[in-house]
Amino acid sequence: MTPLVTAAVLLAAVTHASWNAIAHRITDKLVGFTLIGGGGALIGAVLACFAEFPAAQAWPYLLASAFVHVVYFVLLMKSFRLGDFGQAYPIARGSAPLVVAVLAAFVAHEVPDGWAAAGIALSCAGLTGVALWGLRGSPPNWAAIGAALATGLSIATYTVLDGLGVRASGSSLGYIAWLMVAEGIAVPVYAVRRWRRETVAMLRPFAGVGLLGAALSVAAYALVLWAQTKAELAPIAALRESSIIVGAAIGAVFFKERFGAPRMMAAGLLVIGIGLMLHAG
């Protein structure tokens, strides 16, 4: 985890939280994810014209990841319908890093050393603190929590698939381009079949903000995929989920959700965890 890799992943965290906030802001979740997914596919198609074609051995990972990404989009839409942004987003993102650490150890044979393991553990503790703070003051919405946890499992799955795939691809830009195309067309195809002649009317009011979300989504994941070619999967996954802190701040500023002292302490744990992961690098 060099300073350059760390900076790239932290920038990815900010852009990721931003596009998720845009998706949450659009009232009709199918409209939001149609624009973000479709816009991402268009951006990917343009990038594919200038990038090296991914190596053959990367395609099984890429196609499997595209399928899991579609499942992730469906689960994320459901999470945002059922729960508040300040609850659904932290639980979905915060539950993923530990699963990634376990999967990476078994699948990629990446077992973190003492410093990295301590950093991952502290970061996950901070992320969990932010997530639990989202439940404060109201009875648990188990349907929303279940959807968010399932979303986290899908995140962990595609993270490991893409980590292995991008390393085998020979071109991180080519991999992200074709991944965006493969994963981005499913939701728009479903939406067009559902809306038919009303499609343009449904999308037009949110086209600008939705396409901005698409650009942020592609940028966020492109940075993460590049980082996965430079460092181990588990520390990157933990560091990327610092987007939870950004998401909590966005929730406080734009959605009028409380941030509070417990989230500040959780953010402090996350910062210490990042420092330990840097020390390990």
Protein backbone atom coordinates (compact mmCIF):
# COMPACT_ATOMS: atom_id res chain seq x y z
CA MET A 1 0.00 0.00 0.00
CA THR A 2 2.22 2.80 -1.30
CA PRO A 3 1.15 6.44 -0.88
CA LEU A 4 0.14 6.58 -4.57
CA VAL A 5 -2.06 3.48 -4.27
CA THR A 6 -3.54 4.83 -1.03
CA ALA A 7 -4.35 8.17 -2.65
CA ALA A 8 -6.00 6.45 -5.62
CA VAL A 9 -8.19 4.29 -3.40
CA LEU A 10 -9.17 7.23 -1.17
CA LEU A 11 -10.15 9.22 -4.26
CA ALA A 12 -12.17 6.20 -5.38
CA ALA A 13 -13.89 6.20 -1.99
CA VAL A 14 -15.00 9.82 -2.42
CA THR A 15 -16.28 9.30 -5.97
CA HIS A 16 -18.01 6.07 -4.97
CA ALA A 17 -19.89 7.64 -2.09
CA SER A 18 -20.86 10.51 -4.38
CA TRP A 19 -22.43 8.33 -7.08
CA ASN A 20 -24.26 6.28 -4.45
CA ALA A 21 -25.66 9.49 -3.00
CA ILE A 22 -26.83 10.50 -6.49
CA ALA A 23 -28.50 7.10 -6.91
CA HIS A 24 -30.22 7.53 -3.55
CA ARG A 25 -31.29 11.06 -4.41
CA ILE A 26 -33.20 9.96 -7.53
CA THR A 27 -36.56 8.91 -6.13
CA ASP A 28 -37.27 6.17 -8.67
CA LYS A 29 -34.38 3.76 -8.13
CA LEU A 30 -34.90 2.01 -11.47
CA VAL A 31 -34.53 5.36 -13.24
CA GLY A 32 -31.34 6.10 -11.30
CA PHE A 33 -29.68 2.77 -11.91
CA THR A 34 -30.78 2.72 -15.56
CA LEU A 35 -28.99 6.02 -16.14
CA ILE A 36 -25.93 5.06 -14.09
CA GLY A 37 -25.64 1.57 -15.59
CA GLY A 38 -26.42 2.67 -19.14
CA GLY A 39 -24.12 5.67 -18.88
CA GLY A 40 -21.37 3.44 -17.54
CA ALA A 41 -21.83 1.06 -20.49
CA LEU A 42 -21.53 3.96 -22.95
CA ILE A 43 -18.38 5.24 -21.24
CA GLY A 44 -16.98 1.71 -21.25
CA ALA A 45 -17.68 1.34 -24.97
CA VAL A 46 -15.76 4.55 -25.68
CA LEU A 47 -12.84 3.47 -23.49
CA ALA A 48 -12.76 0.07 -25.18
CA CYS A 49 -11.92 1.78 -28.48
CA PHE A 50 -8.65 3.09 -27.01
CA ALA A 51 -7.67 0.29 -24.60
CA GLU A 52 -5.93 -3.02 -25.12
CA PHE A 53 -8.35 -5.96 -25.35
CA PRO A 54 -8.25 -8.04 -22.13
CA ALA A 55 -6.37 -11.34 -22.31
CA ALA A 56 -8.43 -14.50 -22.78
CA GLN A 57 -7.76 -15.79 -19.27
CA ALA A 58 -9.40 -12.68 -17.78
CA TRP A 59 -12.80 -13.18 -19.43
CA PRO A 60 -14.22 -15.87 -17.10
CA TYR A 61 -13.58 -13.51 -14.18
CA LEU A 62 -14.96 -10.53 -16.09
CA LEU A 63 -18.21 -12.25 -17.10
CA ALA A 64 -18.75 -13.74 -13.65
CA SER A 65 -18.13 -10.32 -12.11
CA ALA A 66 -20.57 -8.68 -14.53
CA PHE A 67 -23.29 -11.10 -13.38
CA VAL A 68 -22.50 -10.44 -9.71
CA HIS A 69 -22.54 -6.70 -10.38
CA VAL A 70 -26.08 -6.98 -11.75
CA VAL A 71 -27.11 -8.82 -8.58
CA TYR A 72 -25.36 -6.06 -6.60
CA PHE A 73 -27.31 -3.33 -8.41
CA VAL A 74 -30.62 -5.09 -7.72
CA LEU A 75 -29.78 -5.57 -4.03
CA LEU A 76 -28.54 -1.99 -3.70
CA MET A 77 -31.75 -0.65 -5.23
CA LYS A 78 -33.72 -2.70 -2.74
CA SER A 79 -31.54 -1.50 0.16
CA PHE A 80 -32.09 2.14 -0.80
CA ARG A 81 -35.85 1.58 -1.07
CA LEU A 82 -36.09 -0.07 2.34
CA GLY A 83 -33.62 1.90 4.45
CA ASP A 84 -32.10 5.34 4.94
CA PHE A 85 -28.93 6.17 3.02
CA GLY A 86 -27.03 6.58 6.31
CA GLN A 87 -28.05 3.03 7.27
CA ALA A 88 -28.06 1.03 4.03
CA TYR A 89 -24.81 2.39 2.60
CA PRO A 90 -22.59 1.81 5.68
CA ILE A 91 -23.91 -1.72 6.30
CA ALA A 92 -23.52 -2.72 2.64
CA ARG A 93 -20.00 -1.37 2.35
CA GLY A 94 -18.81 -2.14 5.88
CA SER A 95 -19.69 -5.82 5.76
CA ALA A 96 -17.53 -6.47 2.69
CA PRO A 97 -13.84 -6.03 3.73
CA LEU A 98 -13.64 -8.94 6.17
CA VAL A 99 -15.30 -11.25 3.64
CA VAL A 100 -12.78 -10.06 1.03
CA ALA A 101 -9.92 -10.80 3.45
CA VAL A 102 -11.16 -14.38 3.94
CA LEU A 103 -11.82 -14.98 0.24
CA ALA A 104 -8.47 -13.47 -0.78
CA ALA A 105 -6.65 -15.74 1.67
CA PHE A 106 -8.26 -18.86 0.21
CA VAL A 107 -8.56 -17.93 -3.47
CA ALA A 108 -5.60 -15.60 -4.09
CA HIS A 109 -3.36 -16.94 -1.28
CA GLU A 110 -3.01 -13.41 0.11
CA VAL A 111 -2.66 -13.68 3.89
CA PRO A 112 -2.05 -10.24 5.43
CA ASP A 113 0.91 -9.82 7.78
CA GLY A 114 0.52 -8.57 11.35
CA TRP A 115 0.43 -4.84 10.58
CA ALA A 116 -1.93 -5.21 7.63
CA ALA A 117 -4.22 -7.56 9.58
CA ALA A 118 -4.36 -5.08 12.47
CA GLY A 119 -5.10 -2.26 10.05
CA ILE A 120 -7.89 -4.23 8.37
CA ALA A 121 -9.38 -5.15 11.76
CA LEU A 122 -9.32 -1.55 13.04
CA SER A 123 -10.72 -0.22 9.77
CA CYS A 124 -13.56 -2.75 9.87
CA ALA A 125 -14.25 -1.81 13.51
CA GLY A 126 -14.54 1.82 12.47
CA LEU A 127 -16.76 0.96 9.52
CA THR A 128 -18.99 -1.20 11.72
CA GLY A 129 -19.28 1.66 14.20
CA VAL A 130 -20.55 3.95 11.47
CA ALA A 131 -23.00 1.30 10.30
CA LEU A 132 -24.37 0.62 13.79
CA TRP A 133 -24.74 4.35 14.43
CA GLY A 134 -27.12 4.37 11.46
CA LEU A 135 -29.44 2.12 13.50
CA ARG A 136 -29.49 4.44 16.51
CA GLY A 137 -32.79 5.81 17.74
CA SER A 138 -35.12 3.52 15.80
CA PRO A 139 -36.06 -0.17 15.85
CA PRO A 140 -34.02 -2.26 13.41
CA ASN A 141 -35.48 -2.59 9.93
CA TRP A 142 -34.51 -6.21 9.41
CA ALA A 143 -35.57 -6.27 5.76
CA ALA A 144 -33.32 -3.30 5.01
CA ILE A 145 -30.47 -4.78 7.06
CA GLY A 146 -30.79 -8.12 5.30
CA ALA A 147 -30.74 -6.48 1.87
CA ALA A 148 -27.72 -4.39 2.86
CA LEU A 149 -25.82 -7.43 4.16
CA ALA A 150 -26.60 -9.35 0.97
CA THR A 151 -25.31 -6.34 -0.95
CA GLY A 152 -22.09 -6.51 1.08
CA LEU A 153 -21.64 -10.17 0.21
CA SER A 154 -22.04 -9.38 -3.48
CA ILE A 155 -19.46 -6.58 -3.12
CA ALA A 156 -16.95 -8.98 -1.59
CA THR A 157 -17.56 -11.53 -4.34
CA TYR A 158 -17.04 -9.17 -7.28
CA THR A 159 -14.07 -7.54 -5.55
CA VAL A 160 -12.17 -10.82 -5.48
CA LEU A 161 -13.28 -11.80 -8.99
CA ASP A 162 -12.13 -8.47 -10.38
CA GLY A 163 -8.89 -8.54 -8.44
CA LEU A 164 -7.98 -11.82 -10.09
CA GLY A 165 -9.41 -10.82 -13.46
CA VAL A 166 -7.67 -7.46 -13.80
CA ARG A 167 -4.32 -9.05 -12.92
CA ALA A 168 -4.83 -11.63 -15.68
CA SER A 169 -6.09 -9.10 -18.23
CA GLY A 170 -2.84 -7.36 -19.16
CA SER A 171 -4.75 -4.07 -19.30
CA SER A 172 -6.60 -2.55 -16.33
CA LEU A 173 -8.19 0.05 -18.64
CA GLY A 174 -9.35 -2.62 -21.08
CA TYR A 175 -10.75 -4.70 -18.23
CA ILE A 176 -12.76 -1.84 -16.70
CA ALA A 177 -14.03 -0.80 -20.15
CA TRP A 178 -15.43 -4.22 -21.03
CA LEU A 179 -16.68 -4.80 -17.49
CA MET A 180 -18.70 -1.57 -17.68
CA VAL A 181 -20.20 -2.67 -20.99
CA ALA A 182 -21.02 -6.18 -19.75
CA GLU A 183 -22.54 -5.15 -16.43
CA GLY A 184 -24.14 -1.89 -17.55
CA ILE A 185 -26.62 -3.14 -20.13
CA ALA A 186 -28.77 -5.44 -17.98
CA VAL A 187 -30.72 -2.85 -15.96
CA PRO A 188 -31.37 -0.52 -18.97
CA VAL A 189 -32.62 -3.48 -21.05
CA TYR A 190 -35.03 -4.43 -18.27
CA ALA A 191 -36.16 -0.82 -17.87
CA VAL A 192 -36.83 -0.35 -21.60
CA ARG A 193 -38.85 -3.56 -21.71
CA ARG A 194 -40.86 -2.35 -18.73
CA TRP A 195 -41.42 1.26 -19.77
CA ARG A 196 -41.46 0.85 -23.57
CA ARG A 197 -42.64 4.13 -25.13
CA GLU A 198 -42.42 5.96 -21.81
CA THR A 199 -38.67 5.32 -21.46
CA VAL A 200 -37.47 8.73 -22.66
CA ALA A 201 -40.07 10.55 -20.56
CA MET A 202 -39.03 8.59 -17.47
CA LEU A 203 -35.31 9.25 -17.92
CA ARG A 204 -35.26 12.84 -19.21
CA PRO A 205 -35.81 14.68 -15.87
CA PHE A 206 -32.80 12.96 -14.28
CA ALA A 207 -30.56 12.48 -17.30
CA GLY A 208 -27.90 15.02 -16.32
CA VAL A 209 -27.43 13.95 -12.72
CA GLY A 210 -27.71 10.27 -13.66
CA LEU A 211 -24.96 10.50 -16.26
CA LEU A 212 -22.80 12.36 -13.75
CA GLY A 213 -23.34 9.40 -11.42
CA ALA A 214 -22.28 7.05 -14.23
CA ALA A 215 -19.03 8.95 -14.80
CA LEU A 216 -18.25 8.93 -11.07
CA SER A 217 -19.03 5.20 -10.90
CA VAL A 218 -16.65 4.34 -13.73
CA ALA A 219 -13.90 6.56 -12.31
CA ALA A 220 -14.26 5.09 -8.83
CA TYR A 221 -13.98 1.49 -9.94
CA ALA A 222 -11.26 2.15 -12.49
CA LEU A 223 -9.09 3.54 -9.68
CA VAL A 224 -9.80 0.50 -7.52
CA LEU A 225 -9.01 -1.97 -10.31
CA TRP A 226 -5.72 -0.22 -11.02
CA ALA A 227 -4.88 -0.37 -7.30
CA GLN A 228 -5.64 -4.09 -7.24
CA THR A 229 -2.81 -4.64 -9.71
CA LYS A 230 -0.41 -2.91 -7.29
CA ALA A 231 -1.37 -4.24 -3.84
CA GLU A 232 -3.21 -7.05 -2.07
CA LEU A 233 -7.00 -7.25 -2.24
CA ALA A 234 -7.97 -7.14 1.46
CA PRO A 235 -6.21 -3.85 2.42
CA ILE A 236 -7.60 -2.18 -0.72
CA ALA A 237 -11.10 -3.38 0.12
CA ALA A 238 -10.84 -2.04 3.67
CA LEU A 239 -9.40 1.28 2.53
CA ARG A 240 -11.97 1.68 -0.25
CA GLU A 241 -14.78 1.39 2.27
CA SER A 242 -13.64 4.62 3.87
CA SER A 243 -16.31 5.82 1.47
CA ILE A 244 -18.64 5.04 4.39
CA ILE A 245 -17.28 8.07 6.24
CA VAL A 246 -17.81 10.18 3.13
CA GLY A 247 -21.30 8.69 2.79
CA ALA A 248 -22.11 9.52 6.41
CA ALA A 249 -20.93 13.10 5.84
CA ILE A 250 -23.06 13.34 2.68
CA GLY A 251 -26.02 11.97 4.64
CA ALA A 252 -25.50 14.62 7.31
CA VAL A 253 -25.12 17.54 4.89
CA PHE A 254 -27.62 16.69 2.15
CA PHE A 255 -30.09 14.27 3.77
CA LYS A 256 -30.08 15.91 7.24
CA GLU A 257 -28.93 12.74 9.00
CA ARG A 258 -26.90 13.08 12.20
CA PHE A 259 -23.15 12.45 12.14
CA GLY A 260 -22.40 12.64 15.85
CA ALA A 261 -19.48 11.85 18.14
CA PRO A 262 -19.65 8.03 17.73
CA ARG A 263 -19.14 8.38 13.99
CA MET A 264 -16.21 10.71 14.65
CA MET A 265 -14.63 8.04 16.87
CA ALA A 266 -15.33 5.42 14.22
CA ALA A 267 -13.65 7.64 11.65
CA GLY A 268 -10.65 7.89 13.99
CA LEU A 269 -10.36 4.10 14.11
CA LEU A 270 -10.50 4.02 10.33
CA VAL A 271 -7.67 6.56 10.07
CA ILE A 272 -5.51 4.52 12.48
CA GLY A 273 -6.26 1.39 10.44
CA ILE A 274 -5.19 3.15 7.26
CA GLY A 275 -1.94 4.17 8.96
CA LEU A 276 -1.21 0.57 9.93
CA MET A 277 -1.89 -0.66 6.39
CA LEU A 278 0.50 1.99 5.07
CA HIS A 279 3.10 0.85 7.58
CA ALA A 280 2.65 -2.70 6.31
CA GLY A 281 3.16 -1.47 2.74
